Protein backbone atom coordinates (compact mmCIF):
# COMPACT_ATOMS: atom_id res chain seq x y z
CA MET A 1 -15.53 18.09 -5.83
CA LEU A 2 -11.67 18.74 -5.49
CA THR A 3 -9.83 19.21 -8.56
CA ARG A 4 -6.50 17.63 -9.78
CA GLN A 5 -4.37 20.35 -8.28
CA GLN A 6 -6.47 20.61 -5.01
CA ARG A 7 -5.93 16.73 -4.55
CA GLY A 8 -2.19 17.18 -5.75
CA LEU A 9 -1.70 19.50 -2.51
CA ALA A 10 -2.25 16.45 -0.44
CA ILE A 11 0.77 14.55 -1.49
CA PRO A 12 3.54 16.36 1.11
CA GLY A 13 0.95 15.35 3.89
CA LEU A 14 0.21 11.62 2.64
CA PHE A 15 4.27 11.21 2.59
CA ARG A 16 4.62 12.52 6.17
CA MET A 17 1.97 9.60 7.06
CA MET A 18 3.79 7.16 4.78
CA ASP A 19 6.83 7.60 7.08
CA ASP A 20 4.76 7.82 10.30
CA GLN A 21 5.97 4.24 12.30
CA ALA A 22 2.97 4.87 14.82
CA LEU A 23 0.59 4.58 12.07
CA ASP A 24 -1.69 1.41 11.94
CA SER A 25 -1.48 -0.64 9.13
CA THR A 26 -5.11 0.08 7.90
CA THR A 27 -4.23 3.61 7.66
CA ARG A 28 -1.06 3.25 6.07
CA THR A 29 -2.99 1.23 3.35
CA TRP A 30 -5.33 4.06 2.86
CA VAL A 31 -2.40 6.54 2.64
CA PHE A 32 -0.95 4.38 -0.46
CA GLN A 33 -4.67 4.09 -1.94
CA ALA A 34 -4.86 7.88 -1.69
CA LEU A 35 -1.27 8.48 -3.58
CA ARG A 36 -2.45 6.04 -6.11
CA GLU A 37 -5.34 7.50 -6.72
CA ILE A 38 -4.48 11.41 -6.87
CA SER A 39 -1.09 10.41 -9.02
CA GLY A 40 -2.55 7.51 -11.44
CA GLU A 41 0.70 5.61 -10.42
CA ASP A 42 0.83 2.60 -8.67
CA PHE A 43 3.98 1.99 -6.55
CA GLY A 44 2.04 -0.35 -4.03
CA ASP A 45 3.59 0.44 -0.86
CA ASN A 46 7.09 0.88 -1.69
CA ARG A 47 8.14 4.29 -0.20
CA ALA A 48 11.22 4.24 -2.06
CA ALA A 49 9.47 4.63 -5.24
CA TRP A 50 6.76 7.11 -4.40
CA LYS A 51 9.96 9.23 -3.30
CA ASN A 52 11.45 8.73 -6.62
CA TRP A 53 8.46 9.64 -8.37
CA THR A 54 7.84 13.00 -6.47
CA ALA A 55 11.50 14.25 -7.23
CA SER A 56 11.01 13.09 -10.97
CA ALA A 57 7.16 14.29 -11.11
CA GLN A 58 6.02 17.29 -13.45
CA PRO A 59 6.84 20.78 -12.59
CA ASN A 60 3.29 21.16 -11.20
CA THR A 61 3.42 18.14 -8.77
CA PRO A 62 4.16 19.77 -5.27
CA ARG A 63 7.23 18.57 -3.48
CA LEU A 64 7.89 17.40 -0.20
């Protein structure tokens, strides 16, 4: 099982996937689900809200 910090390291990759227009809708849904589970936040599929969150998140949260 991964620690919270280890799961947080996936955030930059999930953000890259979130912006990938070639991603199919199912995979895109999984990206947002993973972000919700890792962060404990729920901004749905609102990319701007997620980017705002990461910009204002705690100092130990991985940044883009």
